Protein backbone atom coordinates (compact mmCIF):
# COMPACT_ATOMS: atom_id res chain seq x y z
CA MET A 1 -109.77 172.81 29.11
CA LYS A 2 -109.97 168.99 29.12
CA PHE A 3 -112.55 167.42 27.11
CA GLU A 4 -115.34 165.37 28.99
CA MET A 5 -117.58 162.87 27.23
CA ALA A 6 -121.22 162.96 28.51
CA PRO A 7 -121.55 159.84 30.42
CA ASN A 8 -124.95 158.98 28.44
CA SER A 9 -123.75 159.75 25.00
CA LEU A 10 -123.68 156.76 22.60
CA PHE A 11 -119.84 156.62 22.22
CA ALA A 12 -119.76 156.66 26.28
CA ILE A 13 -122.36 153.91 26.55
CA LEU A 14 -120.16 151.69 23.89
CA LEU A 15 -116.95 152.18 25.90
CA ARG A 16 -118.70 150.64 28.75
CA SER A 17 -120.01 147.95 26.50
CA GLN A 18 -118.53 144.74 25.17
CA TRP A 19 -115.87 145.35 22.48
CA TRP A 20 -117.84 143.32 19.93
CA VAL A 21 -121.02 145.56 20.01
CA SER A 22 -119.07 148.37 18.45
CA ILE A 23 -117.44 146.16 15.92
CA ALA A 24 -120.86 144.90 15.01
CA ILE A 25 -122.58 148.35 14.35
CA ALA A 26 -119.29 149.28 12.22
CA VAL A 27 -119.89 146.33 10.16
CA VAL A 28 -123.79 147.05 9.77
CA ILE A 29 -123.20 150.46 8.67
CA ALA A 30 -120.47 149.42 6.15
CA VAL A 31 -122.70 146.81 4.62
CA LEU A 32 -125.69 149.15 4.52
CA SER A 33 -123.89 151.65 2.86
CA GLY A 34 -122.57 149.27 0.23
CA LEU A 35 -126.00 148.06 -0.12
CA LEU A 36 -128.12 151.30 0.00
CA LEU A 37 -126.06 154.03 -0.92
CA PRO A 38 -125.24 155.21 -4.53
CA THR A 39 -121.83 154.25 -5.60
CA GLY A 40 -120.21 157.58 -5.32
CA TYR A 41 -121.44 157.77 -1.60
CA VAL A 42 -120.33 154.37 -0.41
CA VAL A 43 -117.03 155.78 0.96
CA VAL A 44 -118.93 158.18 3.31
CA GLY A 45 -120.89 155.26 4.97
CA VAL A 46 -117.62 153.62 5.50
CA VAL A 47 -116.14 156.67 7.01
CA ALA A 48 -118.99 156.97 9.18
CA ALA A 49 -118.21 153.28 10.36
CA LEU A 50 -114.76 154.07 11.56
CA PRO A 51 -115.44 155.85 14.90
CA PHE A 52 -117.26 152.69 15.91
CA LEU A 53 -114.49 150.40 14.67
CA GLY A 54 -112.04 152.64 16.61
CA ILE A 55 -114.02 152.43 19.91
CA GLY A 56 -114.42 148.38 19.16
CA VAL A 57 -110.85 148.30 19.07
CA VAL A 58 -110.17 150.45 22.30
CA ARG A 59 -112.60 148.54 24.14
CA ALA A 60 -111.24 145.22 23.06
CA TRP A 61 -107.50 146.39 24.33
CA ARG A 62 -109.05 147.69 27.59
CA GLN A 63 -110.84 144.38 28.33
CA ALA A 64 -107.65 142.44 27.47
CA GLN A 65 -105.76 144.32 30.24
CA VAL A 66 -108.12 143.30 32.85
CA PRO A 67 -106.76 140.55 35.05
CA SER A 68 -108.39 137.51 35.59
CA ALA A 69 -109.90 136.47 38.64
CA ALA A 70 -107.05 134.06 39.30
CA ARG A 71 -104.47 136.53 38.56
CA VAL A 72 -106.11 138.88 41.00
CA SER A 73 -106.43 136.13 43.71
CA GLY A 74 -102.73 135.20 43.00
CA THR A 75 -101.52 138.82 43.44
CA VAL A 76 -103.47 139.15 46.73
CA ASP A 77 -101.99 135.89 48.16
CA ALA A 78 -98.36 136.86 47.05
CA LEU A 79 -98.65 140.53 48.45
CA ALA A 80 -99.71 138.67 52.03
CA THR A 81 -96.12 137.00 52.01
CA LEU A 82 -94.36 140.66 51.96
CA GLY A 83 -92.83 142.94 54.49
CA TRP A 84 -93.56 146.40 54.37
CA ASN A 85 -90.35 147.50 52.62
CA GLU A 86 -90.76 144.75 49.83
CA PHE A 87 -94.22 145.91 48.89
CA ALA A 88 -93.12 149.47 49.24
CA ASP A 89 -90.59 148.90 46.60
CA LEU A 90 -93.24 147.10 44.39
CA LEU A 91 -95.48 149.76 44.62
CA GLU A 92 -92.85 152.39 43.89
CA ARG A 93 -91.70 150.67 40.84
CA GLY A 94 -95.37 150.15 39.69
CA LEU A 95 -96.23 153.66 40.14
CA GLN A 96 -93.19 154.99 38.34
CA ARG A 97 -93.81 152.87 35.46
CA ASP A 98 -97.40 154.30 35.12
CA GLY A 99 -95.88 157.74 34.96
CA TYR A 100 -95.82 159.06 38.71
CA THR A 101 -92.77 160.65 40.28
CA VAL A 102 -92.73 158.92 43.66
CA GLN A 103 -91.57 160.18 46.91
CA ARG A 104 -91.41 158.09 50.37
CA LEU A 105 -92.68 159.95 53.22
CA THR A 106 -91.47 159.44 56.59
CA GLY A 107 -93.13 160.71 59.73
CA GLN A 108 -95.97 161.66 57.79
CA ALA A 109 -99.38 160.51 59.67
CA GLY A 110 -101.66 158.80 57.20
CA ALA A 111 -99.54 158.98 54.07
CA ASP A 112 -96.89 156.85 52.83
CA PHE A 113 -95.89 158.04 49.45
CA ARG A 114 -96.42 161.50 47.51
CA LEU A 115 -97.22 161.07 43.68
CA VAL A 116 -96.95 163.60 41.02
CA LYS A 117 -98.31 162.84 37.66
CA ALA A 118 -99.18 165.66 34.96
CA GLY A 119 -98.92 168.36 37.70
CA ARG A 120 -101.18 166.68 40.07
CA ILE A 121 -100.34 165.65 43.55
CA SER A 122 -101.63 162.48 45.33
CA LEU A 123 -100.92 161.05 48.54
CA LEU A 124 -101.04 157.06 48.94
CA SER A 125 -101.49 155.02 52.19
CA GLY A 126 -100.09 151.64 51.70
CA LYS A 127 -98.74 150.22 55.15
CA ARG A 128 -102.23 148.54 56.04
CA TRP A 129 -102.48 146.71 52.86
CA LYS A 130 -102.69 143.32 54.84
CA ALA A 131 -105.34 144.55 57.45
CA ALA A 132 -108.08 141.74 57.25
CA ARG A 133 -110.66 144.74 57.58
CA THR A 134 -110.35 148.53 57.31
CA GLY A 135 -112.95 150.96 58.76
CA ILE A 136 -113.15 154.62 58.43
CA GLU A 137 -110.20 155.98 60.75
CA PRO A 138 -107.29 155.08 58.52
CA LEU A 139 -109.46 156.81 55.42
CA ARG A 140 -110.20 159.86 57.71
CA ASP A 141 -106.22 160.24 58.61
CA LEU A 142 -105.53 159.94 54.92
CA GLN A 143 -108.10 162.54 53.99
CA ALA A 144 -106.42 164.80 56.62
CA ALA A 145 -103.04 164.18 55.39
CA THR A 146 -104.19 165.19 51.95
CA ASP A 147 -106.06 168.33 53.13
CA SER A 148 -103.16 169.63 55.06
CA GLY A 149 -100.52 168.76 52.24
CA ASP A 150 -102.33 170.46 49.42
CA ALA A 151 -102.77 167.44 47.58
CA HIS A 152 -105.19 167.04 44.70
CA ASP A 153 -106.49 163.58 45.64
CA CYS A 154 -105.30 160.43 47.41
CA ILE A 155 -105.18 156.42 47.38
CA TYR A 156 -105.71 153.90 49.82
CA VAL A 157 -104.37 150.62 49.54
CA ALA A 158 -105.94 147.43 50.73
CA THR A 159 -106.35 143.75 50.13
CA GLY A 160 -108.72 142.99 52.94
CA GLU A 161 -112.17 143.78 53.76
CA ILE A 162 -113.39 147.54 53.29
CA THR A 163 -116.32 148.12 55.45
CA ASP A 164 -119.59 149.85 53.83
CA GLN A 165 -118.88 153.02 56.24
CA ALA A 166 -115.32 153.18 55.17
CA ARG A 167 -116.58 152.84 51.18
CA GLN A 168 -119.21 155.45 51.58
CA PHE A 169 -116.56 157.71 53.49
CA ALA A 170 -114.22 157.00 50.47
CA ALA A 171 -116.76 157.81 47.82
CA LYS A 172 -117.69 160.97 50.01
CA HIS A 173 -114.39 162.49 50.11
CA ARG A 174 -113.15 161.07 46.45
CA ILE A 175 -110.47 158.59 47.95
CA ARG A 176 -109.41 156.08 45.42
CA ILE A 177 -109.23 152.56 46.73
CA PHE A 178 -106.76 150.24 45.24
CA GLU A 179 -107.87 146.71 45.77
CA GLY A 180 -106.95 143.43 44.30
CA LEU A 181 -107.98 144.28 40.92
CA GLN A 182 -105.94 147.60 40.77
CA LEU A 183 -103.03 146.01 42.60
CA ALA A 184 -102.75 143.31 39.77
CA GLN A 185 -103.01 145.81 36.96
CA LEU A 186 -100.20 148.05 38.91
CA LEU A 187 -97.74 145.30 40.01
CA ARG A 188 -98.27 143.13 36.79
CA GLY A 189 -94.76 141.39 36.17
CA LEU A 190 -93.29 142.72 39.30
CA LEU A 191 -94.10 140.12 41.61
CA PRO A 192 -91.89 137.07 42.56
CA PRO A 193 -92.37 133.76 41.15
CA ALA A 194 -95.34 131.59 42.77
CA GLY A 195 -94.06 129.60 45.92
CA ARG A 196 -91.05 131.69 46.12
CA GLY A 197 -90.69 133.46 49.74
CA VAL A 198 -89.64 137.08 50.06
CA ALA A 199 -87.30 137.85 52.96
CA GLY A 200 -89.08 140.01 55.65
CA GLY A 201 -92.88 138.80 54.74
CA THR A 202 -94.73 137.41 57.56
CA GLY A 203 -97.73 136.19 55.32
CA GLN A 204 -100.12 136.92 58.14
CA ARG A 205 -103.28 139.37 58.38
CA SER A 206 -103.99 141.62 61.09
CA ALA A 207 -107.34 143.45 61.75
CA ARG A 208 -107.12 147.00 61.90
């Protein structure tokens, strides 16, 4: 059985907070232990501070992995210059690096990739990544493909605007949306150098 931390537990809250909050708590516990506890019990206080120190380190590492706004914007701009084959290649490489077994789908309405990781099957739709605006229809197509393909969940890739109705539909049906931030993380180090064109790219967006 997979352990799930209660969302409002102290540790869960700290994992959503700035890294220095946990470090500060660890330091305070250690200092107070040295000042207030008998010599033989100081080590107990120090040990009690270790979980907070660990959370601070984990949180600092996670925050360091979050791309800057400039990097996210640069990723979106670079992806707008690519054609589908180039973008599909990048997605496949990024997903494989993240531990997925990737299978491209042909003739599958609503989905372009079948992903497997830790025994879970996901479908991914990415061909409309350059659409200026995404409504419910492509998400509905992806959801239908997920249901008919016995997949556990699905992912929709977009760099343009997602309408409020589409976001509500995605939340209701547990569709993950990969936008600029997620794509910058997934494709880190895989994009061509800035200013270097990629064959087949049009650089144009279309409304869908």
